[in-house]
Amino acid sequence: MSQKPCYGTMFPETLGGGADNGTVSGKVFGYDTVPRGLAGPKRSPNVDRKEWEDCLQCEAFDSCYKLSSAKFTLLAAIDGPIRPCPLAPIVERQILRRPACLPLGGKTPYADNID
């Protein structure tokens, strides 16, 4: 059975590695990206409702949707979640190293305070 060229392409082919400013889209689903400086880009999901209605009418909808979802899930597993900021791992490490408040005496159980 021959499939349409759009078969399995409902979702975008990229997650975090996409455009820093613009639109990343599949046939139906995608996201718009707006830069926000150090906070990282803001991403807003979008749906092409006309394409969605076309997909619903297609006889291969169920298998196409399953393939699209499987590809998107695999992509998410490979790329990981979309990170809001490229510095996030560094910032997280710094936050986790420092307690919110110091105990009496100013000493903490962290390695950088061992005498």
PDB file of N, CA and C in Angstrom:
ATOM      1  N   MET A   1       0.844  -1.188   0.000  1.00  0.00           N
ATOM      2  CA  MET A   1       0.000   0.000   0.000  1.00  0.00           C
ATOM      3  C   MET A   1       0.882   1.242   0.000  1.00  0.00           C
ATOM      4  N   SER A   2       0.667   2.142  -0.891  1.00  0.00           N
ATOM      5  CA  SER A   2       1.428   3.376  -1.001  1.00  0.00           C
ATOM      6  C   SER A   2       0.870   4.427  -0.049  1.00  0.00           C
ATOM      7  N   GLN A   3       1.774   5.100   0.677  1.00  0.00           N
ATOM      8  CA  GLN A   3       1.365   6.126   1.625  1.00  0.00           C
ATOM      9  C   GLN A   3       1.544   7.511   1.012  1.00  0.00           C
ATOM     10  N   LYS A   4       0.792   8.473   1.536  1.00  0.00           N
ATOM     11  CA  LYS A   4       0.930   9.863   1.115  1.00  0.00           C
ATOM     12  C   LYS A   4       2.287  10.397   1.579  1.00  0.00           C
ATOM     13  N   PRO A   5       2.826  11.415   0.938  1.00  0.00           N
ATOM     14  CA  PRO A   5       4.115  11.983   1.354  1.00  0.00           C
ATOM     15  C   PRO A   5       4.099  12.546   2.782  1.00  0.00           C
ATOM     16  N   CYS A   6       2.928  12.914   3.278  1.00  0.00           N
ATOM     17  CA  CYS A   6       2.829  13.491   4.618  1.00  0.00           C
ATOM     18  C   CYS A   6       2.725  12.427   5.711  1.00  0.00           C
ATOM     19  N   TYR A   7       2.674  11.159   5.350  1.00  0.00           N
ATOM     20  CA  TYR A   7       2.480  10.069   6.308  1.00  0.00           C
ATOM     21  C   TYR A   7       3.539  10.113   7.417  1.00  0.00           C
ATOM     22  N   GLY A   8       3.089  10.179   8.662  1.00  0.00           N
ATOM     23  CA  GLY A   8       3.984  10.162   9.816  1.00  0.00           C
ATOM     24  C   GLY A   8       4.642  11.492  10.131  1.00  0.00           C
ATOM     25  N   THR A   9       4.100  12.593   9.595  1.00  0.00           N
ATOM     26  CA  THR A   9       4.751  13.894   9.788  1.00  0.00           C
ATOM     27  C   THR A   9       3.876  14.908  10.529  1.00  0.00           C
ATOM     28  N   MET A  10       2.951  14.446  11.363  1.00  0.00           N
ATOM     29  CA  MET A  10       2.063  15.370  12.074  1.00  0.00           C
ATOM     30  C   MET A  10       2.819  16.281  13.041  1.00  0.00           C
ATOM     31  N   PHE A  11       3.896  15.778  13.654  1.00  0.00           N
ATOM     32  CA  PHE A  11       4.663  16.535  14.650  1.00  0.00           C
ATOM     33  C   PHE A  11       5.956  17.050  14.032  1.00  0.00           C
ATOM     34  N   PRO A  12       6.572  18.070  14.648  1.00  0.00           N
ATOM     35  CA  PRO A  12       7.833  18.597  14.117  1.00  0.00           C
ATOM     36  C   PRO A  12       8.962  17.573  14.221  1.00  0.00           C
ATOM     37  N   GLU A  13       9.960  17.743  13.386  1.00  0.00           N
ATOM     38  CA  GLU A  13      11.113  16.842  13.376  1.00  0.00           C
ATOM     39  C   GLU A  13      12.168  17.236  14.393  1.00  0.00           C
ATOM     40  N   THR A  14      11.956  18.298  15.134  1.00  0.00           N
ATOM     41  CA  THR A  14      12.930  18.756  16.117  1.00  0.00           C
ATOM     42  C   THR A  14      12.221  19.291  17.350  1.00  0.00           C
ATOM     43  N   LEU A  15      12.924  19.233  18.476  1.00  0.00           N
ATOM     44  CA  LEU A  15      12.392  19.817  19.718  1.00  0.00           C
ATOM     45  C   LEU A  15      13.244  21.001  20.115  1.00  0.00           C
ATOM     46  N   GLY A  16      14.237  20.771  20.927  1.00  0.00           N
ATOM     47  CA  GLY A  16      15.070  21.856  21.432  1.00  0.00           C
ATOM     48  C   GLY A  16      16.054  22.399  20.424  1.00  0.00           C
ATOM     49  N   GLY A  17      16.393  21.635  19.407  1.00  0.00           N
ATOM     50  CA  GLY A  17      17.384  22.080  18.448  1.00  0.00           C
ATOM     51  C   GLY A  17      16.803  22.896  17.317  1.00  0.00           C
ATOM     52  N   GLY A  18      15.570  23.310  17.456  1.00  0.00           N
ATOM     53  CA  GLY A  18      14.902  24.036  16.379  1.00  0.00           C
ATOM     54  C   GLY A  18      15.272  25.497  16.324  1.00  0.00           C
ATOM     55  N   ALA A  19      14.481  26.238  15.649  1.00  0.00           N
ATOM     56  CA  ALA A  19      14.737  27.674  15.463  1.00  0.00           C
ATOM     57  C   ALA A  19      14.704  28.415  16.794  1.00  0.00           C
ATOM     58  N   ASP A  20      15.590  29.394  16.946  1.00  0.00           N
ATOM     59  CA  ASP A  20      15.572  30.236  18.140  1.00  0.00           C
ATOM     60  C   ASP A  20      14.576  31.372  17.992  1.00  0.00           C
ATOM     61  N   ASN A  21      14.126  31.613  16.778  1.00  0.00           N
ATOM     62  CA  ASN A  21      13.156  32.660  16.522  1.00  0.00           C
ATOM     63  C   ASN A  21      12.375  32.260  15.280  1.00  0.00           C
ATOM     64  N   GLY A  22      11.114  31.951  15.439  1.00  0.00           N
ATOM     65  CA  GLY A  22      10.313  31.548  14.298  1.00  0.00           C
ATOM     66  C   GLY A  22       9.384  30.410  14.645  1.00  0.00           C
ATOM     67  N   THR A  23       9.040  29.629  13.648  1.00  0.00           N
ATOM     68  CA  THR A  23       8.098  28.538  13.826  1.00  0.00           C
ATOM     69  C   THR A  23       8.740  27.214  13.457  1.00  0.00           C
ATOM     70  N   VAL A  24       8.518  26.207  14.290  1.00  0.00           N
ATOM     71  CA  VAL A  24       8.936  24.841  14.020  1.00  0.00           C
ATOM     72  C   VAL A  24       7.643  24.051  13.914  1.00  0.00           C
ATOM     73  N   SER A  25       7.436  23.351  12.803  1.00  0.00           N
ATOM     74  CA  SER A  25       6.148  22.683  12.660  1.00  0.00           C
ATOM     75  C   SER A  25       6.238  21.393  11.864  1.00  0.00           C
ATOM     76  N   GLY A  26       5.282  20.535  12.199  1.00  0.00           N
ATOM     77  CA  GLY A  26       5.010  19.364  11.401  1.00  0.00           C
ATOM     78  C   GLY A  26       3.783  19.688  10.566  1.00  0.00           C
ATOM     79  N   LYS A  27       3.165  18.661  10.006  1.00  0.00           N
ATOM     80  CA  LYS A  27       1.991  18.907   9.172  1.00  0.00           C
ATOM     81  C   LYS A  27       0.853  19.543   9.991  1.00  0.00           C
ATOM     82  N   VAL A  28       0.692  19.101  11.240  1.00  0.00           N
ATOM     83  CA  VAL A  28      -0.408  19.581  12.077  1.00  0.00           C
ATOM     84  C   VAL A  28       0.079  20.353  13.303  1.00  0.00           C
ATOM     85  N   PHE A  29       1.024  19.797  14.034  1.00  0.00           N
ATOM     86  CA  PHE A  29       1.452  20.353  15.314  1.00  0.00           C
ATOM     87  C   PHE A  29       2.821  21.012  15.202  1.00  0.00           C
ATOM     88  N   GLY A  30       3.035  22.032  16.029  1.00  0.00           N
ATOM     89  CA  GLY A  30       4.326  22.703  16.049  1.00  0.00           C
ATOM     90  C   GLY A  30       4.396  23.678  17.202  1.00  0.00           C
ATOM     91  N   TYR A  31       5.401  24.559  17.139  1.00  0.00           N
ATOM     92  CA  TYR A  31       5.518  25.594  18.158  1.00  0.00           C
ATOM     93  C   TYR A  31       6.178  26.824  17.570  1.00  0.00           C
ATOM     94  N   ASP A  32       5.797  27.975  18.132  1.00  0.00           N
ATOM     95  CA  ASP A  32       6.400  29.252  17.769  1.00  0.00           C
ATOM     96  C   ASP A  32       7.454  29.572  18.819  1.00  0.00           C
ATOM     97  N   THR A  33       8.560  30.152  18.379  1.00  0.00           N
ATOM     98  CA  THR A  33       9.669  30.463  19.272  1.00  0.00           C
ATOM     99  C   THR A  33       9.953  31.959  19.245  1.00  0.00           C
ATOM    100  N   VAL A  34      10.023  32.559  20.435  1.00  0.00           N
ATOM    101  CA  VAL A  34      10.333  33.987  20.569  1.00  0.00           C
ATOM    102  C   VAL A  34      11.504  34.103  21.543  1.00  0.00           C
ATOM    103  N   PRO A  35      12.615  34.742  21.133  1.00  0.00           N
ATOM    104  CA  PRO A  35      13.761  34.865  22.041  1.00  0.00           C
ATOM    105  C   PRO A  35      13.445  35.745  23.250  1.00  0.00           C
ATOM    106  N   ARG A  36      14.058  35.382  24.408  1.00  0.00           N
ATOM    107  CA  ARG A  36      13.879  36.164  25.640  1.00  0.00           C
ATOM    108  C   ARG A  36      15.206  36.380  26.350  1.00  0.00           C
ATOM    109  N   GLY A  37      16.295  36.463  25.647  1.00  0.00           N
ATOM    110  CA  GLY A  37      17.595  36.696  26.269  1.00  0.00           C
ATOM    111  C   GLY A  37      18.082  35.483  27.034  1.00  0.00           C
ATOM    112  N   LEU A  38      18.641  35.713  28.237  1.00  0.00           N
ATOM    113  CA  LEU A  38      19.204  34.622  29.027  1.00  0.00           C
ATOM    114  C   LEU A  38      18.162  33.633  29.517  1.00  0.00           C
ATOM    115  N   ALA A  39      16.923  34.042  29.584  1.00  0.00           N
ATOM    116  CA  ALA A  39      15.862  33.137  30.033  1.00  0.00           C
ATOM    117  C   ALA A  39      15.595  32.040  29.018  1.00  0.00           C
ATOM    118  N   GLY A  40      16.136  32.171  27.830  1.00  0.00           N
ATOM    119  CA  GLY A  40      15.880  31.190  26.790  1.00  0.00           C
ATOM    120  C   GLY A  40      14.620  31.537  26.033  1.00  0.00           C
ATOM    121  N   PRO A  41      14.441  30.930  24.885  1.00  0.00           N
ATOM    122  CA  PRO A  41      13.285  31.283  24.069  1.00  0.00           C
ATOM    123  C   PRO A  41      11.963  30.805  24.678  1.00  0.00           C
ATOM    124  N   LYS A  42      10.929  31.569  24.436  1.00  0.00           N
ATOM    125  CA  LYS A  42       9.575  31.171  24.843  1.00  0.00           C
ATOM    126  C   LYS A  42       8.983  30.375  23.684  1.00  0.00           C
ATOM    127  N   ARG A  43       8.451  29.218  23.987  1.00  0.00           N
ATOM    128  CA  ARG A  43       7.844  28.375  22.953  1.00  0.00           C
ATOM    129  C   ARG A  43       6.362  28.209  23.245  1.00  0.00           C
ATOM    130  N   SER A  44       5.543  28.454  22.232  1.00  0.00           N
ATOM    131  CA  SER A  44       4.096  28.322  22.357  1.00  0.00           C
ATOM    132  C   SER A  44       3.613  27.306  21.337  1.00  0.00           C
ATOM    133  N   PRO A  45       2.862  26.284  21.782  1.00  0.00           N
ATOM    134  CA  PRO A  45       2.379  25.274  20.839  1.00  0.00           C
ATOM    135  C   PRO A  45       1.342  25.854  19.881  1.00  0.00           C
ATOM    136  N   ASN A  46       1.266  25.259  18.696  1.00  0.00           N
ATOM    137  CA  ASN A  46       0.230  25.657  17.745  1.00  0.00           C
ATOM    138  C   ASN A  46      -0.286  24.425  17.013  1.00  0.00           C
ATOM    139  N   VAL A  47      -1.499  24.547  16.514  1.00  0.00           N
ATOM    140  CA  VAL A  47      -2.161  23.472  15.777  1.00  0.00           C
ATOM    141  C   VAL A  47      -2.744  24.066  14.507  1.00  0.00           C
ATOM    142  N   ASP A  48      -2.456  23.443  13.390  1.00  0.00           N
ATOM    143  CA  ASP A  48      -3.058  23.848  12.116  1.00  0.00           C
ATOM    144  C   ASP A  48      -4.378  23.089  11.997  1.00  0.00           C
ATOM    145  N   ARG A  49      -5.462  23.762  12.336  1.00  0.00           N
ATOM    146  CA  ARG A  49      -6.769  23.095  12.399  1.00  0.00           C
ATOM    147  C   ARG A  49      -7.240  22.590  11.039  1.00  0.00           C
ATOM    148  N   LYS A  50      -6.916  23.289   9.967  1.00  0.00           N
ATOM    149  CA  LYS A  50      -7.300  22.827   8.632  1.00  0.00           C
ATOM    150  C   LYS A  50      -6.600  21.505   8.308  1.00  0.00           C
ATOM    151  N   GLU A  51      -5.305  21.445   8.596  1.00  0.00           N
ATOM    152  CA  GLU A  51      -4.557  20.204   8.357  1.00  0.00           C
ATOM    153  C   GLU A  51      -5.076  19.077   9.253  1.00  0.00           C
ATOM    154  N   TRP A  52      -5.442  19.427  10.492  1.00  0.00           N
ATOM    155  CA  TRP A  52      -5.991  18.420  11.400  1.00  0.00           C
ATOM    156  C   TRP A  52      -7.279  17.832  10.835  1.00  0.00           C
ATOM    157  N   GLU A  53      -8.155  18.685  10.338  1.00  0.00           N
ATOM    158  CA  GLU A  53      -9.408  18.201   9.737  1.00  0.00           C
ATOM    159  C   GLU A  53      -9.114  17.319   8.519  1.00  0.00           C
ATOM    160  N   ASP A  54      -8.127  17.712   7.712  1.00  0.00           N
ATOM    161  CA  ASP A  54      -7.738  16.882   6.565  1.00  0.00           C
ATOM    162  C   ASP A  54      -7.233  15.517   7.031  1.00  0.00           C
ATOM    163  N   CYS A  55      -6.426  15.520   8.090  1.00  0.00           N
ATOM    164  CA  CYS A  55      -5.897  14.260   8.615  1.00  0.00           C
ATOM    165  C   CYS A  55      -7.013  13.355   9.128  1.00  0.00           C
ATOM    166  N   LEU A  56      -7.985  13.954   9.804  1.00  0.00           N
ATOM    167  CA  LEU A  56      -9.101  13.156  10.329  1.00  0.00           C
ATOM    168  C   LEU A  56      -9.880  12.454   9.217  1.00  0.00           C
ATOM    169  N   GLN A  57      -9.907  13.048   8.034  1.00  0.00           N
ATOM    170  CA  GLN A  57     -10.633  12.459   6.906  1.00  0.00           C
ATOM    171  C   GLN A  57      -9.837  11.363   6.180  1.00  0.00           C
ATOM    172  N   CYS A  58      -8.543  11.292   6.448  1.00  0.00           N
ATOM    173  CA  CYS A  58      -7.678  10.344   5.740  1.00  0.00           C
ATOM    174  C   CYS A  58      -7.912   8.918   6.239  1.00  0.00           C
ATOM    175  N   GLU A  59      -7.912   7.959   5.328  1.00  0.00           N
ATOM    176  CA  GLU A  59      -8.130   6.559   5.708  1.00  0.00           C
ATOM    177  C   GLU A  59      -6.950   5.982   6.493  1.00  0.00           C
ATOM    178  N   ALA A  60      -5.785   6.590   6.408  1.00  0.00           N
ATOM    179  CA  ALA A  60      -4.598   6.105   7.125  1.00  0.00           C
ATOM    180  C   ALA A  60      -4.367   6.863   8.432  1.00  0.00           C
ATOM    181  N   PHE A  61      -5.374   7.603   8.900  1.00  0.00           N
ATOM    182  CA  PHE A  61      -5.193   8.455  10.076  1.00  0.00           C
ATOM    183  C   PHE A  61      -4.648   7.698  11.284  1.00  0.00           C
ATOM    184  N   ASP A  62      -5.252   6.580  11.661  1.00  0.00           N
ATOM    185  CA  ASP A  62      -4.839   5.867  12.878  1.00  0.00           C
ATOM    186  C   ASP A  62      -3.373   5.458  12.829  1.00  0.00           C
ATOM    187  N   SER A  63      -2.968   4.825  11.761  1.00  0.00           N
ATOM    188  CA  SER A  63      -1.574   4.373  11.686  1.00  0.00           C
ATOM    189  C   SER A  63      -0.626   5.557  11.526  1.00  0.00           C
ATOM    190  N   CYS A  64      -1.036   6.588  10.816  1.00  0.00           N
ATOM    191  CA  CYS A  64      -0.208   7.784  10.652  1.00  0.00           C
ATOM    192  C   CYS A  64      -0.001   8.476  11.994  1.00  0.00           C
ATOM    193  N   TYR A  65      -1.078   8.605  12.754  1.00  0.00           N
ATOM    194  CA  TYR A  65      -0.977   9.245  14.065  1.00  0.00           C
ATOM    195  C   TYR A  65      -0.069   8.438  14.992  1.00  0.00           C
ATOM    196  N   LYS A  66      -0.208   7.117  14.962  1.00  0.00           N
ATOM    197  CA  LYS A  66       0.640   6.264  15.794  1.00  0.00           C
ATOM    198  C   LYS A  66       2.109   6.398  15.405  1.00  0.00           C
ATOM    199  N   LEU A  67       2.398   6.409  14.122  1.00  0.00           N
ATOM    200  CA  LEU A  67       3.775   6.573  13.667  1.00  0.00           C
ATOM    201  C   LEU A  67       4.310   7.953  14.044  1.00  0.00           C
ATOM    202  N   SER A  68       3.510   8.996  13.826  1.00  0.00           N
ATOM    203  CA  SER A  68       3.915  10.357  14.194  1.00  0.00           C
ATOM    204  C   SER A  68       4.220  10.442  15.684  1.00  0.00           C
ATOM    205  N   SER A  69       3.359   9.865  16.502  1.00  0.00           N
ATOM    206  CA  SER A  69       3.543   9.889  17.957  1.00  0.00           C
ATOM    207  C   SER A  69       4.790   9.113  18.367  1.00  0.00           C
ATOM    208  N   ALA A  70       5.005   7.965  17.750  1.00  0.00           N
ATOM    209  CA  ALA A  70       6.188   7.158  18.068  1.00  0.00           C
ATOM    210  C   ALA A  70       7.470   7.903  17.697  1.00  0.00           C
ATOM    211  N   LYS A  71       7.493   8.543  16.533  1.00  0.00           N
ATOM    212  CA  LYS A  71       8.665   9.311  16.118  1.00  0.00           C
ATOM    213  C   LYS A  71       8.918  10.468  17.080  1.00  0.00           C
ATOM    214  N   PHE A  72       7.845  11.146  17.495  1.00  0.00           N
ATOM    215  CA  PHE A  72       7.974  12.275  18.403  1.00  0.00           C
ATOM    216  C   PHE A  72       8.463  11.819  19.777  1.00  0.00           C
ATOM    217  N   THR A  73       7.960  10.691  20.261  1.00  0.00           N
ATOM    218  CA  THR A  73       8.390  10.147  21.547  1.00  0.00           C
ATOM    219  C   THR A  73       9.863   9.757  21.495  1.00  0.00           C
ATOM    220  N   LEU A  74      10.279   9.128  20.412  1.00  0.00           N
ATOM    221  CA  LEU A  74      11.684   8.765  20.253  1.00  0.00           C
ATOM    222  C   LEU A  74      12.552  10.018  20.207  1.00  0.00           C
ATOM    223  N   LEU A  75      12.116  11.015  19.489  1.00  0.00           N
ATOM    224  CA  LEU A  75      12.851  12.276  19.406  1.00  0.00           C
ATOM    225  C   LEU A  75      12.996  12.909  20.787  1.00  0.00           C
ATOM    226  N   ALA A  76      11.921  12.896  21.574  1.00  0.00           N
ATOM    227  CA  ALA A  76      11.970  13.449  22.931  1.00  0.00           C
ATOM    228  C   ALA A  76      12.949  12.664  23.802  1.00  0.00           C
ATOM    229  N   ALA A  77      12.997  11.347  23.624  1.00  0.00           N
ATOM    230  CA  ALA A  77      13.928  10.528  24.397  1.00  0.00           C
ATOM    231  C   ALA A  77      15.376  10.811  24.003  1.00  0.00           C
ATOM    232  N   ILE A  78      15.613  11.053  22.728  1.00  0.00           N
ATOM    233  CA  ILE A  78      16.967  11.313  22.240  1.00  0.00           C
ATOM    234  C   ILE A  78      17.410  12.724  22.605  1.00  0.00           C
ATOM    235  N   ASP A  79      16.587  13.710  22.313  1.00  0.00           N
ATOM    236  CA  ASP A  79      16.940  15.113  22.553  1.00  0.00           C
ATOM    237  C   ASP A  79      16.749  15.533  23.991  1.00  0.00           C
ATOM    238  N   GLY A  80      15.917  14.826  24.728  1.00  0.00           N
ATOM    239  CA  GLY A  80      15.590  15.230  26.087  1.00  0.00           C
ATOM    240  C   GLY A  80      14.559  16.339  26.054  1.00  0.00           C
ATOM    241  N   PRO A  81      14.133  16.793  27.235  1.00  0.00           N
ATOM    242  CA  PRO A  81      13.121  17.849  27.274  1.00  0.00           C
ATOM    243  C   PRO A  81      13.698  19.166  26.766  1.00  0.00           C
ATOM    244  N   ILE A  82      12.831  20.044  26.341  1.00  0.00           N
ATOM    245  CA  ILE A  82      13.260  21.368  25.914  1.00  0.00           C
ATOM    246  C   ILE A  82      13.704  22.133  27.160  1.00  0.00           C
ATOM    247  N   ARG A  83      14.945  22.588  27.153  1.00  0.00           N
ATOM    248  CA  ARG A  83      15.477  23.369  28.278  1.00  0.00           C
ATOM    249  C   ARG A  83      15.267  24.847  27.992  1.00  0.00           C
ATOM    250  N   PRO A  84      14.807  25.601  28.991  1.00  0.00           N
ATOM    251  CA  PRO A  84      14.543  27.021  28.762  1.00  0.00           C
ATOM    252  C   PRO A  84      15.804  27.855  28.586  1.00  0.00           C
ATOM    253  N   CYS A  85      16.947  27.367  29.061  1.00  0.00           N
ATOM    254  CA  CYS A  85      18.155  28.184  29.023  1.00  0.00           C
ATOM    255  C   CYS A  85      19.367  27.268  28.875  1.00  0.00           C
ATOM    256  N   PRO A  86      20.307  27.601  27.994  1.00  0.00           N
ATOM    257  CA  PRO A  86      21.484  26.755  27.851  1.00  0.00           C
ATOM    258  C   PRO A  86      22.349  26.721  29.107  1.00  0.00           C
ATOM    259  N   LEU A  87      22.183  27.696  29.993  1.00  0.00           N
ATOM    260  CA  LEU A  87      22.952  27.736  31.237  1.00  0.00           C
ATOM    261  C   LEU A  87      22.252  26.993  32.369  1.00  0.00           C
ATOM    262  N   ALA A  88      21.078  26.415  32.115  1.00  0.00           N
ATOM    263  CA  ALA A  88      20.283  25.787  33.166  1.00  0.00           C
ATOM    264  C   ALA A  88      21.056  24.746  33.965  1.00  0.00           C
ATOM    265  N   PRO A  89      21.836  23.837  33.352  1.00  0.00           N
ATOM    266  CA  PRO A  89      22.560  22.851  34.166  1.00  0.00           C
ATOM    267  C   PRO A  89      23.547  23.517  35.131  1.00  0.00           C
ATOM    268  N   ILE A  90      24.210  24.581  34.699  1.00  0.00           N
ATOM    269  CA  ILE A  90      25.172  25.281  35.557  1.00  0.00           C
ATOM    270  C   ILE A  90      24.437  25.962  36.701  1.00  0.00           C
ATOM    271  N   VAL A  91      23.341  26.641  36.389  1.00  0.00           N
ATOM    272  CA  VAL A  91      22.552  27.333  37.412  1.00  0.00           C
ATOM    273  C   VAL A  91      21.986  26.328  38.407  1.00  0.00           C
ATOM    274  N   GLU A  92      21.477  25.188  37.929  1.00  0.00           N
ATOM    275  CA  GLU A  92      20.925  24.169  38.822  1.00  0.00           C
ATOM    276  C   GLU A  92      21.985  23.662  39.783  1.00  0.00           C
ATOM    277  N   ARG A  93      23.205  23.413  39.286  1.00  0.00           N
ATOM    278  CA  ARG A  93      24.279  22.938  40.160  1.00  0.00           C
ATOM    279  C   ARG A  93      24.591  23.966  41.239  1.00  0.00           C
ATOM    280  N   GLN A  94      24.629  25.243  40.874  1.00  0.00           N
ATOM    281  CA  GLN A  94      24.929  26.282  41.846  1.00  0.00           C
ATOM    282  C   GLN A  94      23.828  26.379  42.899  1.00  0.00           C
ATOM    283  N   ILE A  95      22.587  26.267  42.475  1.00  0.00           N
ATOM    284  CA  ILE A  95      21.464  26.341  43.414  1.00  0.00           C
ATOM    285  C   ILE A  95      21.491  25.146  44.356  1.00  0.00           C
ATOM    286  N   LEU A  96      21.768  23.955  43.832  1.00  0.00           N
ATOM    287  CA  LEU A  96      21.770  22.752  44.663  1.00  0.00           C
ATOM    288  C   LEU A  96      22.943  22.726  45.637  1.00  0.00           C
ATOM    289  N   ARG A  97      24.027  23.408  45.315  1.00  0.00           N
ATOM    290  CA  ARG A  97      25.194  23.433  46.204  1.00  0.00           C
ATOM    291  C   ARG A  97      24.967  24.332  47.407  1.00  0.00           C
ATOM    292  N   ARG A  98      24.133  25.313  47.298  1.00  0.00           N
ATOM    293  CA  ARG A  98      23.951  26.295  48.355  1.00  0.00           C
ATOM    294  C   ARG A  98      22.626  26.088  49.079  1.00  0.00           C
ATOM    295  N   PRO A  99      22.664  25.995  50.381  1.00  0.00           N
ATOM    296  CA  PRO A  99      21.405  25.862  51.130  1.00  0.00           C
ATOM    297  C   PRO A  99      20.633  27.173  51.125  1.00  0.00           C
ATOM    298  N   ALA A 100      19.338  27.086  51.337  1.00  0.00           N
ATOM    299  CA  ALA A 100      18.492  28.278  51.371  1.00  0.00           C
ATOM    300  C   ALA A 100      18.838  29.160  52.562  1.00  0.00           C
ATOM    301  N   CYS A 101      19.182  28.556  53.694  1.00  0.00           N
ATOM    302  CA  CYS A 101      19.607  29.316  54.861  1.00  0.00           C
ATOM    303  C   CYS A 101      20.698  28.532  55.572  1.00  0.00           C
ATOM    304  N   LEU A 102      21.561  29.231  56.244  1.00  0.00           N
ATOM    305  CA  LEU A 102      22.655  28.579  56.957  1.00  0.00           C
ATOM    306  C   LEU A 102      22.221  28.226  58.370  1.00  0.00           C
ATOM    307  N   PRO A 103      22.674  27.080  58.877  1.00  0.00           N
ATOM    308  CA  PRO A 103      22.391  26.763  60.278  1.00  0.00           C
ATOM    309  C   PRO A 103      23.205  27.684  61.190  1.00  0.00           C
ATOM    310  N   LEU A 104      22.892  27.669  62.471  1.00  0.00           N
ATOM    311  CA  LEU A 104      23.629  28.499  63.427  1.00  0.00           C
ATOM    312  C   LEU A 104      25.119  28.224  63.306  1.00  0.00           C
ATOM    313  N   GLY A 105      25.905  29.248  63.359  1.00  0.00           N
ATOM    314  CA  GLY A 105      27.354  29.104  63.249  1.00  0.00           C
ATOM    315  C   GLY A 105      27.833  29.268  61.816  1.00  0.00           C
ATOM    316  N   GLY A 106      26.930  29.281  60.852  1.00  0.00           N
ATOM    317  CA  GLY A 106      27.304  29.515  59.470  1.00  0.00           C
ATOM    318  C   GLY A 106      27.927  28.334  58.766  1.00  0.00           C
ATOM    319  N   LYS A 107      28.055  27.180  59.413  1.00  0.00           N
ATOM    320  CA  LYS A 107      28.654  26.006  58.773  1.00  0.00           C
ATOM    321  C   LYS A 107      27.568  25.160  58.111  1.00  0.00           C
ATOM    322  N   THR A 108      27.924  24.551  56.991  1.00  0.00           N
ATOM    323  CA  THR A 108      27.004  23.655  56.297  1.00  0.00           C
ATOM    324  C   THR A 108      27.671  22.317  56.110  1.00  0.00           C
ATOM    325  N   PRO A 109      26.922  21.277  55.866  1.00  0.00           N
ATOM    326  CA  PRO A 109      27.498  19.960  55.652  1.00  0.00           C
ATOM    327  C   PRO A 109      28.072  19.760  54.240  1.00  0.00           C
ATOM    328  N   TYR A 110      28.169  20.823  53.466  1.00  0.00           N
ATOM    329  CA  TYR A 110      28.645  20.697  52.091  1.00  0.00           C
ATOM    330  C   TYR A 110      30.160  20.627  52.052  1.00  0.00           C
ATOM    331  N   ALA A 111      30.676  19.975  51.022  1.00  0.00           N
ATOM    332  CA  ALA A 111      32.107  19.734  50.894  1.00  0.00           C
ATOM    333  C   ALA A 111      32.935  21.006  50.875  1.00  0.00           C
ATOM    334  N   ASP A 112      32.410  22.093  50.348  1.00  0.00           N
ATOM    335  CA  ASP A 112      33.207  23.316  50.252  1.00  0.00           C
ATOM    336  C   ASP A 112      33.387  24.013  51.614  1.00  0.00           C
ATOM    337  N   ASN A 113      32.735  23.501  52.652  1.00  0.00           N
ATOM    338  CA  ASN A 113      32.872  24.107  53.982  1.00  0.00           C
ATOM    339  C   ASN A 113      33.589  23.191  54.978  1.00  0.00           C
ATOM    340  N   ILE A 114      34.179  22.120  54.480  1.00  0.00           N
ATOM    341  CA  ILE A 114      34.880  21.203  55.388  1.00  0.00           C
ATOM    342  C   ILE A 114      36.231  21.808  55.739  1.00  0.00           C
ATOM    343  N   ASP A 115      36.528  21.826  57.046  1.00  0.00           N
ATOM    344  CA  ASP A 115      37.820  22.397  57.511  1.00  0.00           C
ATOM    345  C   ASP A 115      38.952  21.430  57.268  1.00  0.00           C
TER     346      ASP A 115
END
